[in-house]
Amino acid sequence: TCPRPPNIFARTRNTLSVRWATPSDNGAKITSYCLQYAIFTKGGVTPTFQVCYTGNQRFHKITHLQPSTSYIIRVSAVNTHGQSPWSDTVTATTYGLPPSSPEPPRLIKSTTRRD
C-alpha cells in the first residue's frame, strides 16, 4: 500500500520539514522509506524529482532549497517484497517574500521662492 501524502510541519527560507505516517506493510516489515522532491512547475511540465532521503525514519528536513519557491514532495515505503507506489504529492512553499512597499514620501518642509 502506498503511504498517505507527507505532512509539512515546519518551513524556513531554505528548508522544509516533512513527516509521514506508516502505511500498511502488507505482511512484511517496512525496512525503509524514500522521500523525493521537485520544484513545482505549471503548464503540464513533468517535474524532475530527486531523492533527498532514504532511511527508516518517518521524518526529514529537506535543506538547501531556494527561498519563495514551491516544491512538490512524495514518499514511498520499501519492504522485502519491493517498493510501494509513490504517495500522492503535497505542495509546500519556502518562506522568503519580498519586502513590503515603503511608506509614501512625506513633505517635511516647503519653502517658496520669490523671483
PDB file of N, CA and C in Angstrom:
ATOM      1  N   THR A   1       0.850  -1.184   0.000  1.00  0.00           N
ATOM      2  CA  THR A   1       0.000   0.000   0.000  1.00  0.00           C
ATOM      3  C   THR A   1       0.889   1.237   0.000  1.00  0.00           C
ATOM      4  N   CYS A   2       0.538   2.218  -0.804  1.00  0.00           N
ATOM      5  CA  CYS A   2       1.352   3.440  -0.811  1.00  0.00           C
ATOM      6  C   CYS A   2       1.042   4.282   0.427  1.00  0.00           C
ATOM      7  N   PRO A   3       2.038   5.003   0.913  1.00  0.00           N
ATOM      8  CA  PRO A   3       1.817   5.881   2.069  1.00  0.00           C
ATOM      9  C   PRO A   3       0.866   7.023   1.735  1.00  0.00           C
ATOM     10  N   ARG A   4       0.266   7.586   2.776  1.00  0.00           N
ATOM     11  CA  ARG A   4      -0.505   8.817   2.593  1.00  0.00           C
ATOM     12  C   ARG A   4       0.469   9.945   2.263  1.00  0.00           C
ATOM     13  N   PRO A   5      -0.033  11.030   1.691  1.00  0.00           N
ATOM     14  CA  PRO A   5       0.879  12.146   1.368  1.00  0.00           C
ATOM     15  C   PRO A   5       1.610  12.635   2.613  1.00  0.00           C
ATOM     16  N   PRO A   6       2.855  13.050   2.456  1.00  0.00           N
ATOM     17  CA  PRO A   6       3.600  13.572   3.604  1.00  0.00           C
ATOM     18  C   PRO A   6       2.991  14.873   4.122  1.00  0.00           C
ATOM     19  N   ASN A   7       3.367  15.220   5.336  1.00  0.00           N
ATOM     20  CA  ASN A   7       2.866  16.416   6.004  1.00  0.00           C
ATOM     21  C   ASN A   7       4.046  17.367   6.243  1.00  0.00           C
ATOM     22  N   ILE A   8       3.879  18.624   5.864  1.00  0.00           N
ATOM     23  CA  ILE A   8       4.912  19.647   6.118  1.00  0.00           C
ATOM     24  C   ILE A   8       4.617  20.235   7.494  1.00  0.00           C
ATOM     25  N   PHE A   9       5.544  20.112   8.442  1.00  0.00           N
ATOM     26  CA  PHE A   9       5.274  20.624   9.784  1.00  0.00           C
ATOM     27  C   PHE A   9       6.123  21.828  10.165  1.00  0.00           C
ATOM     28  N   ALA A  10       7.093  22.200   9.340  1.00  0.00           N
ATOM     29  CA  ALA A  10       7.872  23.414   9.598  1.00  0.00           C
ATOM     30  C   ALA A  10       8.554  23.822   8.289  1.00  0.00           C
ATOM     31  N   ARG A  11       8.779  25.124   8.155  1.00  0.00           N
ATOM     32  CA  ARG A  11       9.490  25.610   6.975  1.00  0.00           C
ATOM     33  C   ARG A  11      10.227  26.898   7.294  1.00  0.00           C
ATOM     34  N   THR A  12      11.278  27.124   6.531  1.00  0.00           N
ATOM     35  CA  THR A  12      12.058  28.352   6.641  1.00  0.00           C
ATOM     36  C   THR A  12      12.310  28.838   5.203  1.00  0.00           C
ATOM     37  N   ARG A  13      13.225  29.781   5.053  1.00  0.00           N
ATOM     38  CA  ARG A  13      13.571  30.264   3.709  1.00  0.00           C
ATOM     39  C   ARG A  13      14.209  29.164   2.867  1.00  0.00           C
ATOM     40  N   ASN A  14      14.953  28.242   3.511  1.00  0.00           N
ATOM     41  CA  ASN A  14      15.736  27.263   2.770  1.00  0.00           C
ATOM     42  C   ASN A  14      15.467  25.811   3.153  1.00  0.00           C
ATOM     43  N   THR A  15      14.469  25.561   4.013  1.00  0.00           N
ATOM     44  CA  THR A  15      14.200  24.186   4.437  1.00  0.00           C
ATOM     45  C   THR A  15      12.708  23.898   4.506  1.00  0.00           C
ATOM     46  N   LEU A  16      12.376  22.621   4.349  1.00  0.00           N
ATOM     47  CA  LEU A  16      11.026  22.115   4.599  1.00  0.00           C
ATOM     48  C   LEU A  16      11.166  20.877   5.465  1.00  0.00           C
ATOM     49  N   SER A  17      10.477  20.845   6.603  1.00  0.00           N
ATOM     50  CA  SER A  17      10.495  19.680   7.483  1.00  0.00           C
ATOM     51  C   SER A  17       9.256  18.848   7.198  1.00  0.00           C
ATOM     52  N   VAL A  18       9.482  17.566   6.923  1.00  0.00           N
ATOM     53  CA  VAL A  18       8.441  16.677   6.419  1.00  0.00           C
ATOM     54  C   VAL A  18       8.322  15.455   7.324  1.00  0.00           C
ATOM     55  N   ARG A  19       7.093  14.972   7.536  1.00  0.00           N
ATOM     56  CA  ARG A  19       6.881  13.698   8.221  1.00  0.00           C
ATOM     57  C   ARG A  19       5.762  12.954   7.515  1.00  0.00           C
ATOM     58  N   TRP A  20       5.683  11.661   7.761  1.00  0.00           N
ATOM     59  CA  TRP A  20       4.665  10.841   7.106  1.00  0.00           C
ATOM     60  C   TRP A  20       4.270   9.705   8.017  1.00  0.00           C
ATOM     61  N   ALA A  21       3.085   9.157   7.778  1.00  0.00           N
ATOM     62  CA  ALA A  21       2.540   8.064   8.590  1.00  0.00           C
ATOM     63  C   ALA A  21       3.009   6.719   8.030  1.00  0.00           C
ATOM     64  N   THR A  22       3.042   5.729   8.879  1.00  0.00           N
ATOM     65  CA  THR A  22       3.402   4.377   8.458  1.00  0.00           C
ATOM     66  C   THR A  22       2.246   3.768   7.671  1.00  0.00           C
ATOM     67  N   PRO A  23       2.490   3.315   6.449  1.00  0.00           N
ATOM     68  CA  PRO A  23       1.422   2.670   5.681  1.00  0.00           C
ATOM     69  C   PRO A  23       1.298   1.192   6.086  1.00  0.00           C
ATOM     70  N   SER A  24       0.312   0.518   5.574  1.00  0.00           N
ATOM     71  CA  SER A  24       0.180  -0.920   5.780  1.00  0.00           C
ATOM     72  C   SER A  24       1.402  -1.609   5.184  1.00  0.00           C
ATOM     73  N   ASP A  25       1.965  -2.582   5.911  1.00  0.00           N
ATOM     74  CA  ASP A  25       3.170  -3.263   5.413  1.00  0.00           C
ATOM     75  C   ASP A  25       2.861  -4.488   4.553  1.00  0.00           C
ATOM     76  N   ASN A  26       1.587  -4.854   4.450  1.00  0.00           N
ATOM     77  CA  ASN A  26       1.159  -5.998   3.636  1.00  0.00           C
ATOM     78  C   ASN A  26       1.885  -7.289   3.987  1.00  0.00           C
ATOM     79  N   GLY A  27       2.166  -7.477   5.278  1.00  0.00           N
ATOM     80  CA  GLY A  27       2.720  -8.745   5.752  1.00  0.00           C
ATOM     81  C   GLY A  27       4.223  -8.817   5.865  1.00  0.00           C
ATOM     82  N   ALA A  28       4.947  -7.808   5.441  1.00  0.00           N
ATOM     83  CA  ALA A  28       6.405  -7.784   5.578  1.00  0.00           C
ATOM     84  C   ALA A  28       6.809  -6.421   6.135  1.00  0.00           C
ATOM     85  N   LYS A  29       7.626  -6.426   7.180  1.00  0.00           N
ATOM     86  CA  LYS A  29       8.024  -5.190   7.858  1.00  0.00           C
ATOM     87  C   LYS A  29       8.635  -4.179   6.876  1.00  0.00           C
ATOM     88  N   ILE A  30       8.235  -2.920   7.031  1.00  0.00           N
ATOM     89  CA  ILE A  30       8.816  -1.839   6.222  1.00  0.00           C
ATOM     90  C   ILE A  30      10.253  -1.628   6.686  1.00  0.00           C
ATOM     91  N   THR A  31      11.171  -1.665   5.737  1.00  0.00           N
ATOM     92  CA  THR A  31      12.593  -1.536   6.068  1.00  0.00           C
ATOM     93  C   THR A  31      13.136  -0.133   5.825  1.00  0.00           C
ATOM     94  N   SER A  32      12.501   0.624   4.941  1.00  0.00           N
ATOM     95  CA  SER A  32      12.961   1.989   4.686  1.00  0.00           C
ATOM     96  C   SER A  32      11.904   2.788   3.936  1.00  0.00           C
ATOM     97  N   TYR A  33      12.167   4.073   3.850  1.00  0.00           N
ATOM     98  CA  TYR A  33      11.326   5.000   3.098  1.00  0.00           C
ATOM     99  C   TYR A  33      12.209   5.757   2.120  1.00  0.00           C
ATOM    100  N   CYS A  34      11.608   6.226   1.061  1.00  0.00           N
ATOM    101  CA  CYS A  34      12.308   7.060   0.086  1.00  0.00           C
ATOM    102  C   CYS A  34      11.491   8.339  -0.092  1.00  0.00           C
ATOM    103  N   LEU A  35      12.117   9.471   0.151  1.00  0.00           N
ATOM    104  CA  LEU A  35      11.465  10.776   0.036  1.00  0.00           C
ATOM    105  C   LEU A  35      12.061  11.508  -1.160  1.00  0.00           C
ATOM    106  N   GLN A  36      11.197  12.061  -1.999  1.00  0.00           N
ATOM    107  CA  GLN A  36      11.637  12.812  -3.162  1.00  0.00           C
ATOM    108  C   GLN A  36      10.972  14.177  -3.191  1.00  0.00           C
ATOM    109  N   TYR A  37      11.643  15.139  -3.854  1.00  0.00           N
ATOM    110  CA  TYR A  37      11.054  16.453  -4.056  1.00  0.00           C
ATOM    111  C   TYR A  37      11.420  16.969  -5.438  1.00  0.00           C
ATOM    112  N   ALA A  38      10.629  17.923  -5.907  1.00  0.00           N
ATOM    113  CA  ALA A  38      10.881  18.584  -7.188  1.00  0.00           C
ATOM    114  C   ALA A  38      10.332  19.995  -7.099  1.00  0.00           C
ATOM    115  N   ILE A  39      10.870  20.891  -7.900  1.00  0.00           N
ATOM    116  CA  ILE A  39      10.320  22.244  -7.978  1.00  0.00           C
ATOM    117  C   ILE A  39       8.969  22.157  -8.677  1.00  0.00           C
ATOM    118  N   PHE A  40       7.983  22.817  -8.101  1.00  0.00           N
ATOM    119  CA  PHE A  40       6.638  22.833  -8.674  1.00  0.00           C
ATOM    120  C   PHE A  40       6.661  23.605  -9.983  1.00  0.00           C
ATOM    121  N   THR A  41       6.142  22.976 -11.018  1.00  0.00           N
ATOM    122  CA  THR A  41       6.086  23.626 -12.321  1.00  0.00           C
ATOM    123  C   THR A  41       4.652  23.698 -12.792  1.00  0.00           C
ATOM    124  N   LYS A  42       4.332  24.745 -13.528  1.00  0.00           N
ATOM    125  CA  LYS A  42       2.984  24.914 -14.069  1.00  0.00           C
ATOM    126  C   LYS A  42       2.984  24.577 -15.540  1.00  0.00           C
ATOM    127  N   GLY A  43       1.808  24.418 -16.102  1.00  0.00           N
ATOM    128  CA  GLY A  43       1.682  24.250 -17.537  1.00  0.00           C
ATOM    129  C   GLY A  43       1.973  22.866 -18.053  1.00  0.00           C
ATOM    130  N   GLY A  44       1.777  21.831 -17.214  1.00  0.00           N
ATOM    131  CA  GLY A  44       1.927  20.467 -17.692  1.00  0.00           C
ATOM    132  C   GLY A  44       3.355  19.991 -17.851  1.00  0.00           C
ATOM    133  N   VAL A  45       4.327  20.752 -17.364  1.00  0.00           N
ATOM    134  CA  VAL A  45       5.720  20.327 -17.442  1.00  0.00           C
ATOM    135  C   VAL A  45       5.942  19.222 -16.410  1.00  0.00           C
ATOM    136  N   THR A  46       6.521  18.107 -16.841  1.00  0.00           N
ATOM    137  CA  THR A  46       6.769  16.992 -15.932  1.00  0.00           C
ATOM    138  C   THR A  46       7.872  17.376 -14.953  1.00  0.00           C
ATOM    139  N   PRO A  47       7.601  17.263 -13.632  1.00  0.00           N
ATOM    140  CA  PRO A  47       8.625  17.633 -12.655  1.00  0.00           C
ATOM    141  C   PRO A  47       9.783  16.636 -12.664  1.00  0.00           C
ATOM    142  N   THR A  48      10.957  17.105 -12.321  1.00  0.00           N
ATOM    143  CA  THR A  48      12.136  16.259 -12.188  1.00  0.00           C
ATOM    144  C   THR A  48      12.378  16.023 -10.702  1.00  0.00           C
ATOM    145  N   PHE A  49      11.991  14.846 -10.224  1.00  0.00           N
ATOM    146  CA  PHE A  49      12.146  14.526  -8.802  1.00  0.00           C
ATOM    147  C   PHE A  49      13.582  14.120  -8.510  1.00  0.00           C
ATOM    148  N   GLN A  50      14.014  14.457  -7.294  1.00  0.00           N
ATOM    149  CA  GLN A  50      15.305  13.977  -6.812  1.00  0.00           C
ATOM    150  C   GLN A  50      15.138  13.420  -5.404  1.00  0.00           C
ATOM    151  N   VAL A  51      15.886  12.375  -5.106  1.00  0.00           N
ATOM    152  CA  VAL A  51      15.830  11.743  -3.793  1.00  0.00           C
ATOM    153  C   VAL A  51      16.532  12.639  -2.792  1.00  0.00           C
ATOM    154  N   CYS A  52      15.872  12.907  -1.675  1.00  0.00           N
ATOM    155  CA  CYS A  52      16.506  13.712  -0.627  1.00  0.00           C
ATOM    156  C   CYS A  52      16.675  12.915   0.664  1.00  0.00           C
ATOM    157  N   TYR A  53      16.040  11.736   0.746  1.00  0.00           N
ATOM    158  CA  TYR A  53      16.175  10.918   1.956  1.00  0.00           C
ATOM    159  C   TYR A  53      15.838   9.469   1.642  1.00  0.00           C
ATOM    160  N   THR A  54      16.657   8.565   2.158  1.00  0.00           N
ATOM    161  CA  THR A  54      16.372   7.140   2.169  1.00  0.00           C
ATOM    162  C   THR A  54      16.784   6.640   3.541  1.00  0.00           C
ATOM    163  N   GLY A  55      15.853   6.012   4.260  1.00  0.00           N
ATOM    164  CA  GLY A  55      16.160   5.512   5.597  1.00  0.00           C
ATOM    165  C   GLY A  55      14.903   5.042   6.290  1.00  0.00           C
ATOM    166  N   ASN A  56      15.030   4.683   7.576  1.00  0.00           N
ATOM    167  CA  ASN A  56      13.880   4.123   8.285  1.00  0.00           C
ATOM    168  C   ASN A  56      13.136   5.114   9.179  1.00  0.00           C
ATOM    169  N   GLN A  57      13.586   6.358   9.229  1.00  0.00           N
ATOM    170  CA  GLN A  57      12.863   7.384   9.990  1.00  0.00           C
ATOM    171  C   GLN A  57      11.633   7.830   9.198  1.00  0.00           C
ATOM    172  N   ARG A  58      10.654   8.387   9.893  1.00  0.00           N
ATOM    173  CA  ARG A  58       9.443   8.869   9.220  1.00  0.00           C
ATOM    174  C   ARG A  58       9.379  10.389   9.224  1.00  0.00           C
ATOM    175  N   PHE A  59      10.536  11.021   9.181  1.00  0.00           N
ATOM    176  CA  PHE A  59      10.608  12.482   9.087  1.00  0.00           C
ATOM    177  C   PHE A  59      11.947  12.848   8.479  1.00  0.00           C
ATOM    178  N   HIS A  60      11.999  14.039   7.898  1.00  0.00           N
ATOM    179  CA  HIS A  60      13.247  14.516   7.301  1.00  0.00           C
ATOM    180  C   HIS A  60      13.147  16.017   7.072  1.00  0.00           C
ATOM    181  N   LYS A  61      14.268  16.705   7.244  1.00  0.00           N
ATOM    182  CA  LYS A  61      14.353  18.132   6.915  1.00  0.00           C
ATOM    183  C   LYS A  61      15.070  18.251   5.574  1.00  0.00           C
ATOM    184  N   ILE A  62      14.339  18.748   4.574  1.00  0.00           N
ATOM    185  CA  ILE A  62      14.928  18.978   3.259  1.00  0.00           C
ATOM    186  C   ILE A  62      15.643  20.327   3.317  1.00  0.00           C
ATOM    187  N   THR A  63      16.912  20.337   2.981  1.00  0.00           N
ATOM    188  CA  THR A  63      17.722  21.553   3.117  1.00  0.00           C
ATOM    189  C   THR A  63      18.208  22.050   1.756  1.00  0.00           C
ATOM    190  N   HIS A  64      18.852  23.201   1.768  1.00  0.00           N
ATOM    191  CA  HIS A  64      19.458  23.826   0.582  1.00  0.00           C
ATOM    192  C   HIS A  64      18.414  24.141  -0.498  1.00  0.00           C
ATOM    193  N   LEU A  65      17.225  24.558  -0.071  1.00  0.00           N
ATOM    194  CA  LEU A  65      16.165  24.934  -1.006  1.00  0.00           C
ATOM    195  C   LEU A  65      16.239  26.425  -1.305  1.00  0.00           C
ATOM    196  N   GLN A  66      15.532  26.844  -2.337  1.00  0.00           N
ATOM    197  CA  GLN A  66      15.503  28.253  -2.731  1.00  0.00           C
ATOM    198  C   GLN A  66      14.381  28.983  -1.986  1.00  0.00           C
ATOM    199  N   PRO A  67      14.586  30.227  -1.559  1.00  0.00           N
ATOM    200  CA  PRO A  67      13.520  30.997  -0.911  1.00  0.00           C
ATOM    201  C   PRO A  67      12.356  31.257  -1.867  1.00  0.00           C
ATOM    202  N   SER A  68      11.174  31.390  -1.320  1.00  0.00           N
ATOM    203  CA  SER A  68       9.962  31.739  -2.086  1.00  0.00           C
ATOM    204  C   SER A  68       9.739  30.811  -3.272  1.00  0.00           C
ATOM    205  N   THR A  69       9.976  29.537  -3.069  1.00  0.00           N
ATOM    206  CA  THR A  69       9.851  28.559  -4.147  1.00  0.00           C
ATOM    207  C   THR A  69       8.912  27.442  -3.708  1.00  0.00           C
ATOM    208  N   SER A  70       8.035  27.011  -4.623  1.00  0.00           N
ATOM    209  CA  SER A  70       7.113  25.915  -4.328  1.00  0.00           C
ATOM    210  C   SER A  70       7.727  24.586  -4.763  1.00  0.00           C
ATOM    211  N   TYR A  71       7.593  23.602  -3.889  1.00  0.00           N
ATOM    212  CA  TYR A  71       8.115  22.264  -4.142  1.00  0.00           C
ATOM    213  C   TYR A  71       6.987  21.246  -4.011  1.00  0.00           C
ATOM    214  N   ILE A  72       7.100  20.153  -4.757  1.00  0.00           N
ATOM    215  CA  ILE A  72       6.186  19.027  -4.578  1.00  0.00           C
ATOM    216  C   ILE A  72       7.005  17.880  -3.981  1.00  0.00           C
ATOM    217  N   ILE A  73       6.365  17.167  -3.054  1.00  0.00           N
ATOM    218  CA  ILE A  73       7.065  16.157  -2.263  1.00  0.00           C
ATOM    219  C   ILE A  73       6.229  14.884  -2.249  1.00  0.00           C
ATOM    220  N   ARG A  74       6.924  13.735  -2.307  1.00  0.00           N
ATOM    221  CA  ARG A  74       6.235  12.453  -2.243  1.00  0.00           C
ATOM    222  C   ARG A  74       7.125  11.449  -1.517  1.00  0.00           C
ATOM    223  N   VAL A  75       6.511  10.348  -1.056  1.00  0.00           N
ATOM    224  CA  VAL A  75       7.237   9.331  -0.296  1.00  0.00           C
ATOM    225  C   VAL A  75       6.771   7.945  -0.731  1.00  0.00           C
ATOM    226  N   SER A  76       7.660   6.972  -0.622  1.00  0.00           N
ATOM    227  CA  SER A  76       7.289   5.577  -0.836  1.00  0.00           C
ATOM    228  C   SER A  76       7.909   4.746   0.286  1.00  0.00           C
ATOM    229  N   ALA A  77       7.362   3.548   0.489  1.00  0.00           N
ATOM    230  CA  ALA A  77       7.863   2.629   1.515  1.00  0.00           C
ATOM    231  C   ALA A  77       8.466   1.404   0.834  1.00  0.00           C
ATOM    232  N   VAL A  78       9.449   0.799   1.501  1.00  0.00           N
ATOM    233  CA  VAL A  78      10.132  -0.376   0.959  1.00  0.00           C
ATOM    234  C   VAL A  78      10.083  -1.496   1.996  1.00  0.00           C
ATOM    235  N   ASN A  79       9.751  -2.714   1.542  1.00  0.00           N
ATOM    236  CA  ASN A  79       9.881  -3.900   2.379  1.00  0.00           C
ATOM    237  C   ASN A  79      10.551  -4.994   1.558  1.00  0.00           C
ATOM    238  N   THR A  80      10.608  -6.215   2.090  1.00  0.00           N
ATOM    239  CA  THR A  80      11.314  -7.296   1.379  1.00  0.00           C
ATOM    240  C   THR A  80      10.677  -7.635   0.037  1.00  0.00           C
ATOM    241  N   HIS A  81       9.454  -7.225  -0.196  1.00  0.00           N
ATOM    242  CA  HIS A  81       8.773  -7.505  -1.461  1.00  0.00           C
ATOM    243  C   HIS A  81       8.973  -6.407  -2.497  1.00  0.00           C
ATOM    244  N   GLY A  82       9.596  -5.289  -2.114  1.00  0.00           N
ATOM    245  CA  GLY A  82       9.852  -4.220  -3.067  1.00  0.00           C
ATOM    246  C   GLY A  82       9.402  -2.861  -2.577  1.00  0.00           C
ATOM    247  N   GLN A  83       9.328  -1.923  -3.492  1.00  0.00           N
ATOM    248  CA  GLN A  83       8.962  -0.533  -3.183  1.00  0.00           C
ATOM    249  C   GLN A  83       7.487  -0.313  -3.494  1.00  0.00           C
ATOM    250  N   SER A  84       6.820   0.415  -2.600  1.00  0.00           N
ATOM    251  CA  SER A  84       5.406   0.748  -2.800  1.00  0.00           C
ATOM    252  C   SER A  84       5.265   1.773  -3.924  1.00  0.00           C
ATOM    253  N   PRO A  85       4.043   1.961  -4.412  1.00  0.00           N
ATOM    254  CA  PRO A  85       3.817   3.108  -5.305  1.00  0.00           C
ATOM    255  C   PRO A  85       4.081   4.413  -4.530  1.00  0.00           C
ATOM    256  N   TRP A  86       4.332   5.482  -5.248  1.00  0.00           N
ATOM    257  CA  TRP A  86       4.546   6.784  -4.609  1.00  0.00           C
ATOM    258  C   TRP A  86       3.248   7.279  -4.009  1.00  0.00           C
ATOM    259  N   SER A  87       3.366   8.001  -2.910  1.00  0.00           N
ATOM    260  CA  SER A  87       2.197   8.665  -2.320  1.00  0.00           C
ATOM    261  C   SER A  87       1.726   9.751  -3.275  1.00  0.00           C
ATOM    262  N   ASP A  88       0.535  10.267  -3.022  1.00  0.00           N
ATOM    263  CA  ASP A  88       0.135  11.491  -3.698  1.00  0.00           C
ATOM    264  C   ASP A  88       1.117  12.575  -3.277  1.00  0.00           C
ATOM    265  N   THR A  89       1.287  13.582  -4.102  1.00  0.00           N
ATOM    266  CA  THR A  89       2.226  14.647  -3.763  1.00  0.00           C
ATOM    267  C   THR A  89       1.558  15.697  -2.881  1.00  0.00           C
ATOM    268  N   VAL A  90       2.383  16.415  -2.171  1.00  0.00           N
ATOM    269  CA  VAL A  90       1.952  17.573  -1.405  1.00  0.00           C
ATOM    270  C   VAL A  90       2.821  18.737  -1.881  1.00  0.00           C
ATOM    271  N   THR A  91       2.236  19.932  -1.918  1.00  0.00           N
ATOM    272  CA  THR A  91       2.968  21.121  -2.357  1.00  0.00           C
ATOM    273  C   THR A  91       3.215  22.032  -1.163  1.00  0.00           C
ATOM    274  N   ALA A  92       4.436  22.530  -1.057  1.00  0.00           N
ATOM    275  CA  ALA A  92       4.792  23.454   0.022  1.00  0.00           C
ATOM    276  C   ALA A  92       5.733  24.520  -0.545  1.00  0.00           C
ATOM    277  N   THR A  93       5.650  25.711   0.022  1.00  0.00           N
ATOM    278  CA  THR A  93       6.469  26.834  -0.433  1.00  0.00           C
ATOM    279  C   THR A  93       7.366  27.309   0.696  1.00  0.00           C
ATOM    280  N   THR A  94       8.630  27.507   0.389  1.00  0.00           N
ATOM    281  CA  THR A  94       9.553  28.050   1.382  1.00  0.00           C
ATOM    282  C   THR A  94       9.234  29.526   1.615  1.00  0.00           C
ATOM    283  N   TYR A  95       9.624  30.012   2.790  1.00  0.00           N
ATOM    284  CA  TYR A  95       9.422  31.428   3.090  1.00  0.00           C
ATOM    285  C   TYR A  95      10.413  32.275   2.317  1.00  0.00           C
ATOM    286  N   GLY A  96      10.180  33.555   2.335  1.00  0.00           N
ATOM    287  CA  GLY A  96      11.115  34.477   1.713  1.00  0.00           C
ATOM    288  C   GLY A  96      10.429  35.458   0.804  1.00  0.00           C
ATOM    289  N   LEU A  97       9.362  36.042   1.258  1.00  0.00           N
ATOM    290  CA  LEU A  97       8.653  37.017   0.441  1.00  0.00           C
ATOM    291  C   LEU A  97       9.464  38.292   0.316  1.00  0.00           C
ATOM    292  N   PRO A  98       9.292  39.010  -0.771  1.00  0.00           N
ATOM    293  CA  PRO A  98       9.998  40.290  -0.898  1.00  0.00           C
ATOM    294  C   PRO A  98       9.508  41.263   0.175  1.00  0.00           C
ATOM    295  N   PRO A  99      10.281  42.305   0.446  1.00  0.00           N
ATOM    296  CA  PRO A  99       9.855  43.264   1.464  1.00  0.00           C
ATOM    297  C   PRO A  99       8.573  43.980   1.050  1.00  0.00           C
ATOM    298  N   SER A 100       7.869  44.466   2.046  1.00  0.00           N
ATOM    299  CA  SER A 100       6.647  45.220   1.756  1.00  0.00           C
ATOM    300  C   SER A 100       7.008  46.584   1.176  1.00  0.00           C
ATOM    301  N   SER A 101       6.028  47.236   0.601  1.00  0.00           N
ATOM    302  CA  SER A 101       6.253  48.553  -0.003  1.00  0.00           C
ATOM    303  C   SER A 101       6.598  49.569   1.072  1.00  0.00           C
ATOM    304  N   PRO A 102       7.512  50.462   0.774  1.00  0.00           N
ATOM    305  CA  PRO A 102       7.822  51.518   1.747  1.00  0.00           C
ATOM    306  C   PRO A 102       6.663  52.511   1.843  1.00  0.00           C
ATOM    307  N   GLU A 103       6.666  53.267   2.911  1.00  0.00           N
ATOM    308  CA  GLU A 103       5.677  54.329   3.079  1.00  0.00           C
ATOM    309  C   GLU A 103       5.882  55.364   1.969  1.00  0.00           C
ATOM    310  N   PRO A 104       4.813  56.021   1.538  1.00  0.00           N
ATOM    311  CA  PRO A 104       4.993  57.054   0.510  1.00  0.00           C
ATOM    312  C   PRO A 104       5.814  58.218   1.071  1.00  0.00           C
ATOM    313  N   PRO A 105       6.459  58.955   0.206  1.00  0.00           N
ATOM    314  CA  PRO A 105       7.263  60.094   0.674  1.00  0.00           C
ATOM    315  C   PRO A 105       6.368  61.136   1.356  1.00  0.00           C
ATOM    316  N   ARG A 106       6.939  61.821   2.354  1.00  0.00           N
ATOM    317  CA  ARG A 106       6.219  62.890   3.045  1.00  0.00           C
ATOM    318  C   ARG A 106       6.974  64.196   2.854  1.00  0.00           C
ATOM    319  N   LEU A 107       6.238  65.247   2.729  1.00  0.00           N
ATOM    320  CA  LEU A 107       6.851  66.570   2.641  1.00  0.00           C
ATOM    321  C   LEU A 107       7.129  67.035   4.058  1.00  0.00           C
ATOM    322  N   ILE A 108       8.385  67.259   4.360  1.00  0.00           N
ATOM    323  CA  ILE A 108       8.764  67.684   5.705  1.00  0.00           C
ATOM    324  C   ILE A 108       8.789  69.200   5.810  1.00  0.00           C
ATOM    325  N   LYS A 109       9.313  69.845   4.805  1.00  0.00           N
ATOM    326  CA  LYS A 109       9.405  71.302   4.844  1.00  0.00           C
ATOM    327  C   LYS A 109       9.288  71.816   3.417  1.00  0.00           C
ATOM    328  N   SER A 110       8.587  72.927   3.301  1.00  0.00           N
ATOM    329  CA  SER A 110       8.400  73.542   1.989  1.00  0.00           C
ATOM    330  C   SER A 110       8.739  75.013   2.090  1.00  0.00           C
ATOM    331  N   THR A 111       9.402  75.487   1.109  1.00  0.00           N
ATOM    332  CA  THR A 111       9.676  76.925   1.056  1.00  0.00           C
ATOM    333  C   THR A 111       9.239  77.430  -0.314  1.00  0.00           C
ATOM    334  N   THR A 112       8.959  78.703  -0.343  1.00  0.00           N
ATOM    335  CA  THR A 112       8.606  79.313  -1.637  1.00  0.00           C
ATOM    336  C   THR A 112       9.746  80.234  -2.027  1.00  0.00           C
ATOM    337  N   ARG A 113       9.898  80.341  -3.285  1.00  0.00           N
ATOM    338  CA  ARG A 113      10.959  81.185  -3.813  1.00  0.00           C
ATOM    339  C   ARG A 113      10.308  82.331  -4.582  1.00  0.00           C
ATOM    340  N   ARG A 114      10.748  83.505  -4.290  1.00  0.00           N
ATOM    341  CA  ARG A 114      10.225  84.679  -4.982  1.00  0.00           C
ATOM    342  C   ARG A 114      11.243  85.161  -5.981  1.00  0.00           C
ATOM    343  N   ASP A 115      10.801  85.417  -7.185  1.00  0.00           N
ATOM    344  CA  ASP A 115      11.693  85.942  -8.222  1.00  0.00           C
ATOM    345  C   ASP A 115      11.582  87.428  -8.332  1.00  0.00           C
TER     346      ASP A 115
END
